[in-house]
Amino acid sequence: MQQINGLLLRYMSNISYLRVSTTQQTVANQRQAIASAGWSIDDEYTDEAVSGTTAADSRPGWAACATYLRKGDPLVVYALDRLGRSTIDVLQTINALSKREIRLVILMQGFDTHTPAGKLALTMFAAFAEFENGIRKERQQEGIARARTEGKYAGRTQTVSGAAGGVDSAVSSWGESKCVSPTFQY
């Protein structure tokens, strides 16, 4: 970083994100693999004992990393599953990085968004995510239809936004309201 005329300027940095799921695991192996691949890391962000099923934005280390990253920064991750275990969440994360023009390098899968092959892989991952989401919705609709025919599904309960007790509570509270009651006589 350099300060010019009172402004703090930061040059492109090599950033790494490391994650392990349990307290028995350590990020040391990931750190060593990144160094062995020839990466000199300027800033490292970690989430230790945080499950990959936890959404990326809900992980403190990832949130700090995402905030710090700037256009052009390479983000080095040991393996794709370190970003997360949910296909949709991982692809949303990759898409957000891509929109910000952040280079993503995933060592174990040989994935680098700076290369044509990496961009192709990103497109394929996005297509698979869309396919997976479509299949999930299709199965959900089939399940709802089956439950309706069996009389087990009536849909979501209707509520009025902000009314703790739903529609009945909101309607009864209208009569108690000094400004609404004269307008809506029922």
C-alpha atoms as a PDB file:
ATOM      1  CA  MET A   1       0.000   0.000   0.000  1.00  0.00           C
ATOM      2  CA  GLN A   2       1.095   3.542  -0.674  1.00  0.00           C
ATOM      3  CA  GLN A   3      -0.218   6.872   0.577  1.00  0.00           C
ATOM      4  CA  ILE A   4      -0.429   9.766  -1.903  1.00  0.00           C
ATOM      5  CA  ASN A   5      -1.988  13.129  -0.990  1.00  0.00           C
ATOM      6  CA  GLY A   6      -3.671  11.579   2.029  1.00  0.00           C
ATOM      7  CA  LEU A   7      -5.183   8.723  -0.010  1.00  0.00           C
ATOM      8  CA  LEU A   8      -4.236   5.163   0.781  1.00  0.00           C
ATOM      9  CA  LEU A   9      -3.652   3.279  -2.480  1.00  0.00           C
ATOM     10  CA  ARG A  10      -3.497  -0.482  -2.660  1.00  0.00           C
ATOM     11  CA  TYR A  11      -1.875  -2.318  -5.523  1.00  0.00           C
ATOM     12  CA  MET A  12      -3.069  -5.682  -6.786  1.00  0.00           C
ATOM     13  CA  SER A  13      -2.569  -8.321  -4.100  1.00  0.00           C
ATOM     14  CA  ASN A  14      -2.422 -12.102  -4.192  1.00  0.00           C
ATOM     15  CA  ILE A  15      -5.147 -13.216  -1.799  1.00  0.00           C
ATOM     16  CA  SER A  16      -5.839 -16.701  -0.472  1.00  0.00           C
ATOM     17  CA  TYR A  17      -8.946 -18.095   1.166  1.00  0.00           C
ATOM     18  CA  LEU A  18      -8.573 -21.188   3.355  1.00  0.00           C
ATOM     19  CA  ARG A  19     -11.348 -23.125   5.084  1.00  0.00           C
ATOM     20  CA  VAL A  20     -11.557 -26.237   7.258  1.00  0.00           C
ATOM     21  CA  SER A  21     -14.732 -27.743   8.666  1.00  0.00           C
ATOM     22  CA  THR A  22     -13.643 -28.989  12.083  1.00  0.00           C
ATOM     23  CA  THR A  23     -11.363 -28.037  14.943  1.00  0.00           C
ATOM     24  CA  GLN A  24      -9.337 -31.222  14.288  1.00  0.00           C
ATOM     25  CA  GLN A  25      -8.348 -29.925  10.842  1.00  0.00           C
ATOM     26  CA  THR A  26      -5.823 -27.225  10.026  1.00  0.00           C
ATOM     27  CA  VAL A  27      -5.340 -24.820   7.138  1.00  0.00           C
ATOM     28  CA  ALA A  28      -1.577 -25.526   7.117  1.00  0.00           C
ATOM     29  CA  ASN A  29      -1.810 -28.101   4.298  1.00  0.00           C
ATOM     30  CA  GLN A  30      -3.791 -25.695   2.116  1.00  0.00           C
ATOM     31  CA  ARG A  31      -1.316 -22.889   2.818  1.00  0.00           C
ATOM     32  CA  GLN A  32       1.621 -25.175   1.956  1.00  0.00           C
ATOM     33  CA  ALA A  33       0.012 -26.373  -1.305  1.00  0.00           C
ATOM     34  CA  ILE A  34      -0.575 -22.777  -2.408  1.00  0.00           C
ATOM     35  CA  ALA A  35       3.054 -21.859  -1.647  1.00  0.00           C
ATOM     36  CA  SER A  36       4.302 -25.024  -3.411  1.00  0.00           C
ATOM     37  CA  ALA A  37       2.345 -24.001  -6.508  1.00  0.00           C
ATOM     38  CA  GLY A  38       4.472 -20.840  -6.611  1.00  0.00           C
ATOM     39  CA  TRP A  39       2.004 -18.334  -5.182  1.00  0.00           C
ATOM     40  CA  SER A  40       3.365 -15.592  -2.948  1.00  0.00           C
ATOM     41  CA  ILE A  41       0.349 -14.603  -0.863  1.00  0.00           C
ATOM     42  CA  ASP A  42       0.005 -11.011   0.352  1.00  0.00           C
ATOM     43  CA  ASP A  43      -3.184 -11.445   2.379  1.00  0.00           C
ATOM     44  CA  GLU A  44      -4.795 -14.603   3.733  1.00  0.00           C
ATOM     45  CA  TYR A  45      -8.360 -15.095   4.952  1.00  0.00           C
ATOM     46  CA  THR A  46      -9.468 -18.188   6.833  1.00  0.00           C
ATOM     47  CA  ASP A  47     -12.570 -19.825   8.197  1.00  0.00           C
ATOM     48  CA  GLU A  48     -11.637 -22.540  10.676  1.00  0.00           C
ATOM     49  CA  ALA A  49     -14.206 -25.004  12.024  1.00  0.00           C
ATOM     50  CA  VAL A  50     -16.837 -23.606   9.631  1.00  0.00           C
ATOM     51  CA  SER A  51     -18.881 -26.042   7.562  1.00  0.00           C
ATOM     52  CA  GLY A  52     -18.893 -25.722   3.795  1.00  0.00           C
ATOM     53  CA  THR A  53     -22.672 -26.013   3.948  1.00  0.00           C
ATOM     54  CA  THR A  54     -22.730 -22.585   5.627  1.00  0.00           C
ATOM     55  CA  ALA A  55     -23.401 -19.966   2.938  1.00  0.00           C
ATOM     56  CA  ALA A  56     -20.242 -18.113   1.936  1.00  0.00           C
ATOM     57  CA  ASP A  57     -21.621 -14.713   2.948  1.00  0.00           C
ATOM     58  CA  SER A  58     -22.344 -16.092   6.440  1.00  0.00           C
ATOM     59  CA  ARG A  59     -18.711 -17.060   7.039  1.00  0.00           C
ATOM     60  CA  PRO A  60     -16.691 -14.286   8.733  1.00  0.00           C
ATOM     61  CA  GLY A  61     -13.429 -15.093   6.948  1.00  0.00           C
ATOM     62  CA  TRP A  62     -15.072 -15.165   3.534  1.00  0.00           C
ATOM     63  CA  ALA A  63     -17.026 -11.964   4.246  1.00  0.00           C
ATOM     64  CA  ALA A  64     -13.774 -10.170   5.135  1.00  0.00           C
ATOM     65  CA  CYS A  65     -12.053 -11.615   2.056  1.00  0.00           C
ATOM     66  CA  ALA A  66     -14.882 -10.584  -0.279  1.00  0.00           C
ATOM     67  CA  THR A  67     -14.826  -7.071   1.175  1.00  0.00           C
ATOM     68  CA  TYR A  68     -11.055  -6.764   0.722  1.00  0.00           C
ATOM     69  CA  LEU A  69     -10.832  -8.083  -2.852  1.00  0.00           C
ATOM     70  CA  ARG A  70     -10.406  -5.511  -5.624  1.00  0.00           C
ATOM     71  CA  LYS A  71     -10.667  -5.677  -9.404  1.00  0.00           C
ATOM     72  CA  GLY A  72      -7.730  -7.645 -10.804  1.00  0.00           C
ATOM     73  CA  ASP A  73      -6.774  -9.335  -7.522  1.00  0.00           C
ATOM     74  CA  PRO A  74      -6.051 -13.051  -7.882  1.00  0.00           C
ATOM     75  CA  LEU A  75      -7.896 -15.133  -5.290  1.00  0.00           C
ATOM     76  CA  VAL A  76      -6.220 -18.497  -4.726  1.00  0.00           C
ATOM     77  CA  VAL A  77      -8.225 -21.326  -3.172  1.00  0.00           C
ATOM     78  CA  TYR A  78      -6.861 -24.818  -2.571  1.00  0.00           C
ATOM     79  CA  ALA A  79      -9.939 -26.731  -3.813  1.00  0.00           C
ATOM     80  CA  LEU A  80     -13.416 -25.926  -5.081  1.00  0.00           C
ATOM     81  CA  ASP A  81     -15.082 -27.458  -2.012  1.00  0.00           C
ATOM     82  CA  ARG A  82     -13.234 -24.914   0.160  1.00  0.00           C
ATOM     83  CA  LEU A  83     -15.534 -22.258  -1.345  1.00  0.00           C
ATOM     84  CA  GLY A  84     -18.536 -24.317  -0.252  1.00  0.00           C
ATOM     85  CA  ARG A  85     -20.489 -27.537  -0.616  1.00  0.00           C
ATOM     86  CA  SER A  86     -23.663 -26.133  -2.167  1.00  0.00           C
ATOM     87  CA  THR A  87     -23.422 -25.940  -5.947  1.00  0.00           C
ATOM     88  CA  ILE A  88     -25.733 -22.945  -6.075  1.00  0.00           C
ATOM     89  CA  ASP A  89     -23.821 -21.062  -3.352  1.00  0.00           C
ATOM     90  CA  VAL A  90     -20.441 -21.793  -4.953  1.00  0.00           C
ATOM     91  CA  LEU A  91     -21.652 -20.652  -8.357  1.00  0.00           C
ATOM     92  CA  GLN A  92     -23.167 -17.496  -6.910  1.00  0.00           C
ATOM     93  CA  THR A  93     -19.822 -16.810  -5.248  1.00  0.00           C
ATOM     94  CA  ILE A  94     -17.908 -17.443  -8.487  1.00  0.00           C
ATOM     95  CA  ASN A  95     -20.347 -15.263 -10.430  1.00  0.00           C
ATOM     96  CA  ALA A  96     -19.975 -12.407  -7.912  1.00  0.00           C
ATOM     97  CA  LEU A  97     -16.175 -12.623  -8.223  1.00  0.00           C
ATOM     98  CA  SER A  98     -16.403 -12.687 -12.017  1.00  0.00           C
ATOM     99  CA  LYS A  99     -18.613  -9.579 -12.093  1.00  0.00           C
ATOM    100  CA  ARG A 100     -16.003  -7.769 -10.004  1.00  0.00           C
ATOM    101  CA  GLU A 101     -13.250  -8.962 -12.405  1.00  0.00           C
ATOM    102  CA  ILE A 102     -11.447 -10.896  -9.704  1.00  0.00           C
ATOM    103  CA  ARG A 103      -9.267 -13.712 -10.977  1.00  0.00           C
ATOM    104  CA  LEU A 104     -10.155 -17.006  -9.284  1.00  0.00           C
ATOM    105  CA  VAL A 105      -7.555 -19.774  -9.137  1.00  0.00           C
ATOM    106  CA  ILE A 106      -8.541 -23.161  -7.695  1.00  0.00           C
ATOM    107  CA  LEU A 107      -5.434 -25.315  -7.463  1.00  0.00           C
ATOM    108  CA  MET A 108      -6.763 -28.876  -7.172  1.00  0.00           C
ATOM    109  CA  GLN A 109      -9.149 -28.548 -10.102  1.00  0.00           C
ATOM    110  CA  GLY A 110      -6.747 -26.483 -12.225  1.00  0.00           C
ATOM    111  CA  PHE A 111      -9.393 -23.785 -12.544  1.00  0.00           C
ATOM    112  CA  ASP A 112      -8.240 -20.259 -13.441  1.00  0.00           C
ATOM    113  CA  THR A 113     -10.709 -17.640 -14.682  1.00  0.00           C
ATOM    114  CA  HIS A 114      -7.781 -15.798 -16.288  1.00  0.00           C
ATOM    115  CA  THR A 115      -7.568 -18.483 -19.009  1.00  0.00           C
ATOM    116  CA  PRO A 116      -9.981 -19.435 -21.807  1.00  0.00           C
ATOM    117  CA  ALA A 117     -10.279 -22.960 -20.355  1.00  0.00           C
ATOM    118  CA  GLY A 118     -11.103 -21.496 -16.938  1.00  0.00           C
ATOM    119  CA  LYS A 119     -13.794 -19.288 -18.444  1.00  0.00           C
ATOM    120  CA  LEU A 120     -15.234 -22.318 -20.258  1.00  0.00           C
ATOM    121  CA  ALA A 121     -15.271 -24.294 -17.009  1.00  0.00           C
ATOM    122  CA  LEU A 122     -17.076 -21.401 -15.303  1.00  0.00           C
ATOM    123  CA  THR A 123     -19.725 -21.406 -18.042  1.00  0.00           C
ATOM    124  CA  MET A 124     -20.172 -25.177 -17.712  1.00  0.00           C
ATOM    125  CA  PHE A 125     -20.487 -24.912 -13.923  1.00  0.00           C
ATOM    126  CA  ALA A 126     -23.143 -22.226 -14.359  1.00  0.00           C
ATOM    127  CA  ALA A 127     -25.061 -24.421 -16.817  1.00  0.00           C
ATOM    128  CA  PHE A 128     -24.982 -27.355 -14.403  1.00  0.00           C
ATOM    129  CA  ALA A 129     -26.189 -25.123 -11.579  1.00  0.00           C
ATOM    130  CA  GLU A 130     -29.095 -23.895 -13.674  1.00  0.00           C
ATOM    131  CA  PHE A 131     -29.920 -27.495 -14.601  1.00  0.00           C
ATOM    132  CA  GLU A 132     -29.748 -28.586 -10.951  1.00  0.00           C
ATOM    133  CA  ASN A 133     -32.014 -25.717  -9.904  1.00  0.00           C
ATOM    134  CA  GLY A 134     -34.524 -26.633 -12.637  1.00  0.00           C
ATOM    135  CA  ILE A 135     -34.578 -30.286 -11.548  1.00  0.00           C
ATOM    136  CA  ARG A 136     -35.085 -29.224  -7.925  1.00  0.00           C
ATOM    137  CA  LYS A 137     -38.028 -27.001  -8.863  1.00  0.00           C
ATOM    138  CA  GLU A 138     -39.519 -29.755 -11.014  1.00  0.00           C
ATOM    139  CA  ARG A 139     -39.323 -32.261  -8.157  1.00  0.00           C
ATOM    140  CA  GLN A 140     -40.786 -29.703  -5.767  1.00  0.00           C
ATOM    141  CA  GLN A 141     -43.767 -29.113  -8.076  1.00  0.00           C
ATOM    142  CA  GLU A 142     -44.289 -32.872  -8.463  1.00  0.00           C
ATOM    143  CA  GLY A 143     -44.265 -33.257  -4.674  1.00  0.00           C
ATOM    144  CA  ILE A 144     -46.760 -30.422  -4.218  1.00  0.00           C
ATOM    145  CA  ALA A 145     -49.074 -31.899  -6.875  1.00  0.00           C
ATOM    146  CA  ARG A 146     -48.928 -35.331  -5.214  1.00  0.00           C
ATOM    147  CA  ALA A 147     -49.603 -33.822  -1.770  1.00  0.00           C
ATOM    148  CA  ARG A 148     -52.591 -31.897  -3.149  1.00  0.00           C
ATOM    149  CA  THR A 149     -54.139 -35.041  -4.650  1.00  0.00           C
ATOM    150  CA  GLU A 150     -53.695 -36.732  -1.267  1.00  0.00           C
ATOM    151  CA  GLY A 151     -55.276 -33.737   0.496  1.00  0.00           C
ATOM    152  CA  LYS A 152     -52.088 -33.006   2.445  1.00  0.00           C
ATOM    153  CA  TYR A 153     -51.140 -29.656   0.901  1.00  0.00           C
ATOM    154  CA  ALA A 154     -53.142 -26.453   1.035  1.00  0.00           C
ATOM    155  CA  GLY A 155     -50.396 -23.975   0.199  1.00  0.00           C
ATOM    156  CA  ARG A 156     -48.774 -21.363   2.331  1.00  0.00           C
ATOM    157  CA  THR A 157     -50.850 -19.601   5.009  1.00  0.00           C
ATOM    158  CA  GLN A 158     -51.741 -16.066   3.911  1.00  0.00           C
ATOM    159  CA  THR A 159     -50.431 -13.286   6.149  1.00  0.00           C
ATOM    160  CA  VAL A 160     -50.447  -9.524   6.086  1.00  0.00           C
ATOM    161  CA  SER A 161     -46.950  -8.074   6.136  1.00  0.00           C
ATOM    162  CA  GLY A 162     -46.068  -6.796   9.579  1.00  0.00           C
ATOM    163  CA  ALA A 163     -49.046  -8.413  11.326  1.00  0.00           C
ATOM    164  CA  ALA A 164     -47.798 -10.953  13.847  1.00  0.00           C
ATOM    165  CA  GLY A 165     -51.077 -12.884  13.948  1.00  0.00           C
ATOM    166  CA  GLY A 166     -51.730 -12.996  10.200  1.00  0.00           C
ATOM    167  CA  VAL A 167     -54.885 -11.771   8.423  1.00  0.00           C
ATOM    168  CA  ASP A 168     -57.324 -12.308  11.312  1.00  0.00           C
ATOM    169  CA  SER A 169     -55.107 -10.366  13.704  1.00  0.00           C
ATOM    170  CA  ALA A 170     -54.610  -7.552  11.195  1.00  0.00           C
ATOM    171  CA  VAL A 171     -58.349  -7.264  10.494  1.00  0.00           C
ATOM    172  CA  SER A 172     -59.231  -7.195  14.186  1.00  0.00           C
ATOM    173  CA  SER A 173     -56.544  -4.577  14.856  1.00  0.00           C
ATOM    174  CA  TRP A 174     -58.045  -2.302  12.155  1.00  0.00           C
ATOM    175  CA  GLY A 175     -61.089  -1.831  14.336  1.00  0.00           C
ATOM    176  CA  GLU A 176     -58.816  -0.769  17.198  1.00  0.00           C
ATOM    177  CA  SER A 177     -56.872   1.739  15.106  1.00  0.00           C
ATOM    178  CA  LYS A 178     -57.988   5.371  15.466  1.00  0.00           C
ATOM    179  CA  CYS A 179     -56.922   6.394  11.946  1.00  0.00           C
ATOM    180  CA  VAL A 180     -57.835   3.245  10.020  1.00  0.00           C
ATOM    181  CA  SER A 181     -61.147   2.448  11.727  1.00  0.00           C
ATOM    182  CA  PRO A 182     -63.112   5.476  10.424  1.00  0.00           C
ATOM    183  CA  THR A 183     -61.832   4.869   6.889  1.00  0.00           C
ATOM    184  CA  PHE A 184     -62.629   1.163   6.758  1.00  0.00           C
ATOM    185  CA  GLN A 185     -65.999   0.608   8.375  1.00  0.00           C
ATOM    186  CA  TYR A 186     -66.979  -3.043   8.258  1.00  0.00           C
END
